Amino acid sequence: MNEHLYLIALALIEQEGKRFMPLGGKSINKFIDTKNDPGVTGEALASELLLRVFQKSESGWIRRINGDKSLLLIQLPMELMQEKIPLIKSRWIKSGDNEKLMAELQSICNGIWSAVFNREDGLIFSQVT
């Protein structure tokens, strides 16, 4: 794969009735096989994003909007990230349509994982299909 790839962590949250999609990303040098999880890089991005969301809670209550698919990691070419993600984010913030958001992400991404935490296993990434 010759493309410049980017890994993005994004959260689908609501704060006091308003939708937000905070995100953070990192350039990656090699494709992450979708059968694997995004590893240490994914864990670091998810952790950083969750700290930002936690800090945001000082401004008011926060809740996740899309159940277990509220914290996502997506892998995509940098060009699509720059072109498409701002538009997709804007449409979702206006509409709140989670199904449309997931379909749009599926159409441009080379991998989507949801992240959840449980006491026994810690942070778990699952491929979103």
N, C-alpha and C. Protein backbone atom coordinates (compact mmCIF):
# COMPACT_ATOMS: atom_id res chain seq x y z
N MET A 1 0.85 -1.17 0.00
CA MET A 1 0.00 0.00 0.00
C MET A 1 0.89 1.23 0.00
N ASN A 2 0.81 2.04 -1.04
CA ASN A 2 1.70 3.18 -1.21
C ASN A 2 1.14 4.48 -0.64
N GLU A 3 -0.09 4.47 -0.18
CA GLU A 3 -0.72 5.67 0.32
C GLU A 3 -0.13 6.07 1.68
N HIS A 4 -0.19 7.36 1.96
CA HIS A 4 0.14 7.85 3.30
C HIS A 4 -1.11 7.60 4.14
N LEU A 5 -0.96 6.80 5.17
CA LEU A 5 -2.12 6.41 5.99
C LEU A 5 -2.17 7.22 7.27
N TYR A 6 -3.38 7.36 7.75
CA TYR A 6 -3.64 8.08 8.98
C TYR A 6 -4.54 7.22 9.85
N LEU A 7 -4.29 7.22 11.15
CA LEU A 7 -5.16 6.55 12.11
C LEU A 7 -5.79 7.64 12.96
N ILE A 8 -7.11 7.61 13.02
CA ILE A 8 -7.86 8.64 13.75
C ILE A 8 -8.70 7.99 14.84
N ALA A 9 -8.66 8.58 16.03
CA ALA A 9 -9.59 8.22 17.09
C ALA A 9 -10.67 9.29 17.11
N LEU A 10 -11.92 8.87 17.17
CA LEU A 10 -13.00 9.84 17.26
C LEU A 10 -14.06 9.37 18.24
N ALA A 11 -14.66 10.34 18.91
CA ALA A 11 -15.69 10.05 19.90
C ALA A 11 -17.00 10.69 19.44
N LEU A 12 -18.07 9.97 19.61
CA LEU A 12 -19.40 10.48 19.30
C LEU A 12 -20.08 10.77 20.63
N ILE A 13 -20.16 12.05 20.98
CA ILE A 13 -20.68 12.42 22.29
C ILE A 13 -21.71 13.54 22.17
N GLU A 14 -22.45 13.67 23.24
CA GLU A 14 -23.39 14.77 23.39
C GLU A 14 -23.04 15.47 24.69
N GLN A 15 -23.01 16.80 24.64
CA GLN A 15 -22.79 17.57 25.85
C GLN A 15 -23.90 18.58 25.98
N GLU A 16 -24.70 18.39 27.02
CA GLU A 16 -25.83 19.25 27.31
C GLU A 16 -26.69 19.50 26.08
N GLY A 17 -27.01 18.41 25.37
CA GLY A 17 -27.93 18.47 24.24
C GLY A 17 -27.30 18.80 22.89
N LYS A 18 -26.00 19.00 22.85
CA LYS A 18 -25.33 19.35 21.59
C LYS A 18 -24.33 18.25 21.23
N ARG A 19 -24.36 17.83 19.95
CA ARG A 19 -23.45 16.79 19.48
C ARG A 19 -22.05 17.33 19.24
N PHE A 20 -21.06 16.49 19.59
CA PHE A 20 -19.65 16.80 19.34
C PHE A 20 -18.96 15.54 18.82
N MET A 21 -17.93 15.75 18.01
CA MET A 21 -17.11 14.65 17.54
C MET A 21 -15.63 15.05 17.69
N PRO A 22 -15.12 15.01 18.93
CA PRO A 22 -13.70 15.29 19.08
C PRO A 22 -12.90 14.18 18.41
N LEU A 23 -11.77 14.54 17.85
CA LEU A 23 -10.93 13.54 17.21
C LEU A 23 -9.47 13.91 17.33
N GLY A 24 -8.65 12.91 17.17
CA GLY A 24 -7.20 13.08 17.16
C GLY A 24 -6.61 12.01 16.26
N GLY A 25 -5.50 12.30 15.63
CA GLY A 25 -4.96 11.33 14.70
C GLY A 25 -3.46 11.33 14.64
N LYS A 26 -2.97 10.36 13.90
CA LYS A 26 -1.53 10.18 13.76
C LYS A 26 -1.25 9.51 12.43
N SER A 27 -0.21 9.99 11.77
CA SER A 27 0.26 9.35 10.55
C SER A 27 0.87 8.00 10.92
N ILE A 28 0.59 6.98 10.13
CA ILE A 28 1.16 5.66 10.39
C ILE A 28 1.92 5.20 9.15
N ASN A 29 3.01 4.44 9.37
CA ASN A 29 3.85 4.06 8.23
C ASN A 29 3.43 2.76 7.58
N LYS A 30 2.58 1.97 8.21
CA LYS A 30 2.16 0.76 7.53
C LYS A 30 0.70 0.45 7.81
N PHE A 31 0.10 -0.19 6.84
CA PHE A 31 -1.30 -0.58 6.90
C PHE A 31 -1.53 -1.53 8.07
N ILE A 32 -2.60 -1.30 8.82
CA ILE A 32 -2.99 -2.20 9.91
C ILE A 32 -4.03 -3.15 9.34
N ASP A 33 -3.71 -4.42 9.31
CA ASP A 33 -4.64 -5.43 8.81
C ASP A 33 -5.90 -5.37 9.66
N THR A 34 -7.05 -5.32 9.02
CA THR A 34 -8.31 -5.18 9.75
C THR A 34 -8.63 -6.40 10.60
N LYS A 35 -7.94 -7.51 10.38
CA LYS A 35 -8.14 -8.69 11.23
C LYS A 35 -7.43 -8.52 12.57
N ASN A 36 -6.52 -7.55 12.64
CA ASN A 36 -5.80 -7.26 13.88
C ASN A 36 -6.39 -6.01 14.51
N ASP A 37 -6.02 -5.76 15.75
CA ASP A 37 -6.45 -4.49 16.35
C ASP A 37 -5.35 -3.45 16.12
N PRO A 38 -5.65 -2.18 16.34
CA PRO A 38 -4.69 -1.12 16.04
C PRO A 38 -3.53 -1.01 17.02
N GLY A 39 -3.43 -1.92 17.97
CA GLY A 39 -2.26 -2.04 18.83
C GLY A 39 -1.97 -0.83 19.69
N VAL A 40 -0.69 -0.66 19.99
CA VAL A 40 -0.22 0.39 20.90
C VAL A 40 -0.56 1.78 20.36
N THR A 41 -0.43 1.97 19.06
CA THR A 41 -0.75 3.27 18.47
C THR A 41 -2.23 3.59 18.69
N GLY A 42 -3.10 2.61 18.47
CA GLY A 42 -4.53 2.81 18.70
C GLY A 42 -4.85 3.08 20.16
N GLU A 43 -4.21 2.34 21.05
CA GLU A 43 -4.42 2.55 22.48
C GLU A 43 -4.01 3.96 22.90
N ALA A 44 -2.87 4.42 22.39
CA ALA A 44 -2.39 5.76 22.73
C ALA A 44 -3.36 6.84 22.22
N LEU A 45 -3.82 6.69 20.97
CA LEU A 45 -4.76 7.67 20.42
C LEU A 45 -6.07 7.68 21.21
N ALA A 46 -6.59 6.49 21.53
CA ALA A 46 -7.84 6.40 22.29
C ALA A 46 -7.67 7.03 23.67
N SER A 47 -6.55 6.77 24.32
CA SER A 47 -6.30 7.33 25.66
C SER A 47 -6.23 8.85 25.62
N GLU A 48 -5.50 9.39 24.65
CA GLU A 48 -5.39 10.85 24.53
C GLU A 48 -6.76 11.48 24.29
N LEU A 49 -7.53 10.87 23.41
CA LEU A 49 -8.85 11.41 23.11
C LEU A 49 -9.76 11.34 24.34
N LEU A 50 -9.72 10.23 25.05
CA LEU A 50 -10.56 10.10 26.24
C LEU A 50 -10.17 11.10 27.32
N LEU A 51 -8.89 11.41 27.44
CA LEU A 51 -8.49 12.45 28.39
C LEU A 51 -9.05 13.81 28.00
N ARG A 52 -9.04 14.10 26.70
CA ARG A 52 -9.62 15.36 26.24
C ARG A 52 -11.13 15.41 26.52
N VAL A 53 -11.82 14.29 26.27
CA VAL A 53 -13.26 14.24 26.53
C VAL A 53 -13.52 14.40 28.03
N PHE A 54 -12.70 13.74 28.85
CA PHE A 54 -12.83 13.84 30.30
C PHE A 54 -12.67 15.30 30.74
N GLN A 55 -11.68 15.99 30.20
CA GLN A 55 -11.48 17.40 30.54
C GLN A 55 -12.66 18.25 30.07
N LYS A 56 -13.24 17.89 28.95
CA LYS A 56 -14.39 18.62 28.42
C LYS A 56 -15.59 18.52 29.37
N SER A 57 -15.63 17.46 30.16
CA SER A 57 -16.78 17.26 31.06
C SER A 57 -16.88 18.36 32.12
N GLU A 58 -15.82 19.15 32.31
CA GLU A 58 -15.89 20.27 33.25
C GLU A 58 -16.89 21.33 32.78
N SER A 59 -17.18 21.33 31.47
CA SER A 59 -18.12 22.31 30.91
C SER A 59 -19.57 21.84 30.98
N GLY A 60 -19.81 20.61 31.40
CA GLY A 60 -21.17 20.08 31.48
C GLY A 60 -21.17 18.58 31.27
N TRP A 61 -22.31 17.97 31.55
CA TRP A 61 -22.42 16.51 31.44
C TRP A 61 -22.17 16.04 30.02
N ILE A 62 -21.62 14.86 29.91
CA ILE A 62 -21.31 14.26 28.62
C ILE A 62 -21.88 12.85 28.60
N ARG A 63 -22.41 12.46 27.45
CA ARG A 63 -22.82 11.07 27.27
C ARG A 63 -22.43 10.62 25.87
N ARG A 64 -22.17 9.32 25.76
CA ARG A 64 -21.86 8.80 24.44
C ARG A 64 -23.16 8.63 23.67
N ILE A 65 -23.09 8.74 22.36
CA ILE A 65 -24.30 8.77 21.55
C ILE A 65 -24.57 7.48 20.79
N ASN A 66 -23.56 6.71 20.49
CA ASN A 66 -23.73 5.56 19.61
C ASN A 66 -23.37 4.24 20.31
N GLY A 67 -23.73 4.12 21.57
CA GLY A 67 -23.48 2.89 22.32
C GLY A 67 -22.02 2.48 22.26
N ASP A 68 -21.78 1.19 22.05
CA ASP A 68 -20.41 0.67 22.00
C ASP A 68 -19.64 1.13 20.76
N LYS A 69 -20.30 1.81 19.86
CA LYS A 69 -19.61 2.37 18.68
C LYS A 69 -19.47 3.89 18.80
N SER A 70 -19.30 4.35 20.04
CA SER A 70 -19.13 5.78 20.28
C SER A 70 -17.68 6.21 20.31
N LEU A 71 -16.77 5.26 20.50
CA LEU A 71 -15.34 5.54 20.42
C LEU A 71 -14.78 4.68 19.30
N LEU A 72 -14.36 5.33 18.23
CA LEU A 72 -13.93 4.62 17.03
C LEU A 72 -12.49 4.96 16.68
N LEU A 73 -11.82 4.00 16.08
CA LEU A 73 -10.54 4.23 15.42
C LEU A 73 -10.74 3.91 13.96
N ILE A 74 -10.29 4.82 13.10
CA ILE A 74 -10.45 4.61 11.67
C ILE A 74 -9.10 4.77 10.99
N GLN A 75 -8.87 3.97 9.98
CA GLN A 75 -7.64 4.02 9.18
C GLN A 75 -8.02 4.42 7.77
N LEU A 76 -7.36 5.45 7.25
CA LEU A 76 -7.68 5.90 5.91
C LEU A 76 -6.50 6.66 5.32
N PRO A 77 -6.50 6.81 3.99
CA PRO A 77 -5.45 7.60 3.35
C PRO A 77 -5.54 9.06 3.79
N MET A 78 -4.40 9.68 3.96
CA MET A 78 -4.35 11.07 4.43
C MET A 78 -5.17 12.00 3.54
N GLU A 79 -5.14 11.78 2.23
CA GLU A 79 -5.88 12.65 1.31
C GLU A 79 -7.38 12.62 1.62
N LEU A 80 -7.92 11.43 1.88
CA LEU A 80 -9.34 11.33 2.21
C LEU A 80 -9.63 11.93 3.58
N MET A 81 -8.68 11.79 4.49
CA MET A 81 -8.88 12.38 5.80
C MET A 81 -9.05 13.88 5.67
N GLN A 82 -8.21 14.51 4.88
CA GLN A 82 -8.28 15.96 4.72
C GLN A 82 -9.51 16.40 3.95
N GLU A 83 -9.93 15.61 2.95
CA GLU A 83 -11.08 15.97 2.11
C GLU A 83 -12.41 15.63 2.76
N LYS A 84 -12.52 14.41 3.24
CA LYS A 84 -13.84 13.86 3.60
C LYS A 84 -14.22 13.98 5.07
N ILE A 85 -13.27 13.81 5.98
CA ILE A 85 -13.62 13.78 7.40
C ILE A 85 -14.29 15.08 7.87
N PRO A 86 -13.80 16.27 7.49
CA PRO A 86 -14.50 17.48 7.92
C PRO A 86 -15.97 17.53 7.44
N LEU A 87 -16.23 17.07 6.22
CA LEU A 87 -17.60 17.06 5.69
C LEU A 87 -18.48 16.05 6.42
N ILE A 88 -17.93 14.85 6.62
CA ILE A 88 -18.68 13.80 7.32
C ILE A 88 -18.98 14.25 8.75
N LYS A 89 -17.99 14.84 9.40
CA LYS A 89 -18.17 15.32 10.78
C LYS A 89 -19.26 16.39 10.84
N SER A 90 -19.21 17.33 9.92
CA SER A 90 -20.20 18.41 9.89
C SER A 90 -21.61 17.87 9.67
N ARG A 91 -21.75 16.94 8.73
CA ARG A 91 -23.08 16.36 8.46
C ARG A 91 -23.61 15.62 9.68
N TRP A 92 -22.74 14.88 10.37
CA TRP A 92 -23.19 14.12 11.54
C TRP A 92 -23.59 15.07 12.68
N ILE A 93 -22.80 16.11 12.90
CA ILE A 93 -23.13 17.06 13.97
C ILE A 93 -24.49 17.69 13.71
N LYS A 94 -24.80 17.99 12.44
CA LYS A 94 -26.09 18.59 12.11
C LYS A 94 -27.24 17.58 12.20
N SER A 95 -27.02 16.36 11.73
CA SER A 95 -28.12 15.39 11.62
C SER A 95 -28.21 14.42 12.79
N GLY A 96 -27.08 14.01 13.35
CA GLY A 96 -27.09 12.98 14.39
C GLY A 96 -27.41 11.60 13.88
N ASP A 97 -27.35 11.40 12.57
CA ASP A 97 -27.70 10.12 11.96
C ASP A 97 -26.50 9.17 12.05
N ASN A 98 -26.51 8.30 13.06
CA ASN A 98 -25.39 7.39 13.29
C ASN A 98 -25.24 6.36 12.17
N GLU A 99 -26.34 5.87 11.63
CA GLU A 99 -26.26 4.89 10.55
C GLU A 99 -25.62 5.49 9.30
N LYS A 100 -26.00 6.71 8.96
CA LYS A 100 -25.41 7.37 7.80
C LYS A 100 -23.93 7.64 8.05
N LEU A 101 -23.59 8.06 9.25
CA LEU A 101 -22.19 8.29 9.59
C LEU A 101 -21.37 7.02 9.38
N MET A 102 -21.85 5.90 9.91
CA MET A 102 -21.11 4.65 9.80
C MET A 102 -20.99 4.23 8.33
N ALA A 103 -22.03 4.43 7.55
CA ALA A 103 -21.98 4.08 6.12
C ALA A 103 -20.95 4.95 5.40
N GLU A 104 -20.94 6.24 5.71
CA GLU A 104 -19.97 7.14 5.08
C GLU A 104 -18.54 6.77 5.46
N LEU A 105 -18.32 6.44 6.72
CA LEU A 105 -16.98 6.03 7.14
C LEU A 105 -16.57 4.72 6.46
N GLN A 106 -17.50 3.77 6.38
CA GLN A 106 -17.21 2.48 5.72
C GLN A 106 -16.77 2.71 4.27
N SER A 107 -17.36 3.70 3.62
CA SER A 107 -17.07 3.91 2.20
C SER A 107 -15.67 4.49 1.95
N ILE A 108 -15.06 5.11 2.96
CA ILE A 108 -13.75 5.73 2.72
C ILE A 108 -12.60 5.12 3.54
N CYS A 109 -12.93 4.33 4.55
CA CYS A 109 -11.90 3.85 5.47
C CYS A 109 -11.34 2.49 5.06
N ASN A 110 -10.09 2.26 5.45
CA ASN A 110 -9.42 0.98 5.25
C ASN A 110 -9.44 0.17 6.54
N GLY A 111 -10.34 0.45 7.41
CA GLY A 111 -10.47 -0.25 8.67
C GLY A 111 -11.15 0.64 9.69
N ILE A 112 -12.12 0.07 10.40
CA ILE A 112 -12.80 0.78 11.48
C ILE A 112 -12.88 -0.18 12.66
N TRP A 113 -12.48 0.32 13.82
CA TRP A 113 -12.58 -0.45 15.05
C TRP A 113 -13.34 0.36 16.08
N SER A 114 -14.15 -0.32 16.88
CA SER A 114 -14.76 0.31 18.04
C SER A 114 -13.91 -0.06 19.25
N ALA A 115 -13.91 0.79 20.24
CA ALA A 115 -13.13 0.54 21.45
C ALA A 115 -14.06 0.56 22.65
N VAL A 116 -13.95 -0.47 23.47
CA VAL A 116 -14.71 -0.55 24.72
C VAL A 116 -13.76 -1.05 25.81
N PHE A 117 -14.17 -0.85 27.03
CA PHE A 117 -13.36 -1.28 28.17
C PHE A 117 -14.17 -2.24 29.01
N ASN A 118 -13.52 -3.31 29.45
CA ASN A 118 -14.13 -4.14 30.49
C ASN A 118 -13.06 -4.50 31.51
N ARG A 119 -13.49 -4.79 32.72
CA ARG A 119 -12.56 -5.00 33.84
C ARG A 119 -11.61 -6.16 33.61
N GLU A 120 -12.09 -7.22 33.01
CA GLU A 120 -11.27 -8.41 32.86
C GLU A 120 -10.17 -8.24 31.80
N ASP A 121 -10.52 -7.61 30.68
CA ASP A 121 -9.60 -7.56 29.54
C ASP A 121 -9.02 -6.19 29.26
N GLY A 122 -9.52 -5.15 29.91
CA GLY A 122 -9.03 -3.79 29.64
C GLY A 122 -9.67 -3.23 28.38
N LEU A 123 -8.89 -2.50 27.61
CA LEU A 123 -9.36 -1.89 26.37
C LEU A 123 -9.42 -2.93 25.27
N ILE A 124 -10.57 -3.03 24.64
CA ILE A 124 -10.78 -4.04 23.58
C ILE A 124 -11.20 -3.31 22.30
N PHE A 125 -10.52 -3.64 21.21
CA PHE A 125 -10.87 -3.12 19.90
C PHE A 125 -11.58 -4.21 19.13
N SER A 126 -12.70 -3.87 18.50
CA SER A 126 -13.44 -4.81 17.66
C SER A 126 -13.64 -4.19 16.29
N GLN A 127 -13.44 -4.99 15.27
CA GLN A 127 -13.64 -4.52 13.90
C GLN A 127 -15.11 -4.20 13.69
N VAL A 128 -15.38 -3.05 13.07
CA VAL A 128 -16.74 -2.64 12.74
C VAL A 128 -16.96 -2.98 11.27
N THR A 129 -17.99 -3.75 11.01
CA THR A 129 -18.29 -4.13 9.62
C THR A 129 -19.60 -3.53 9.17
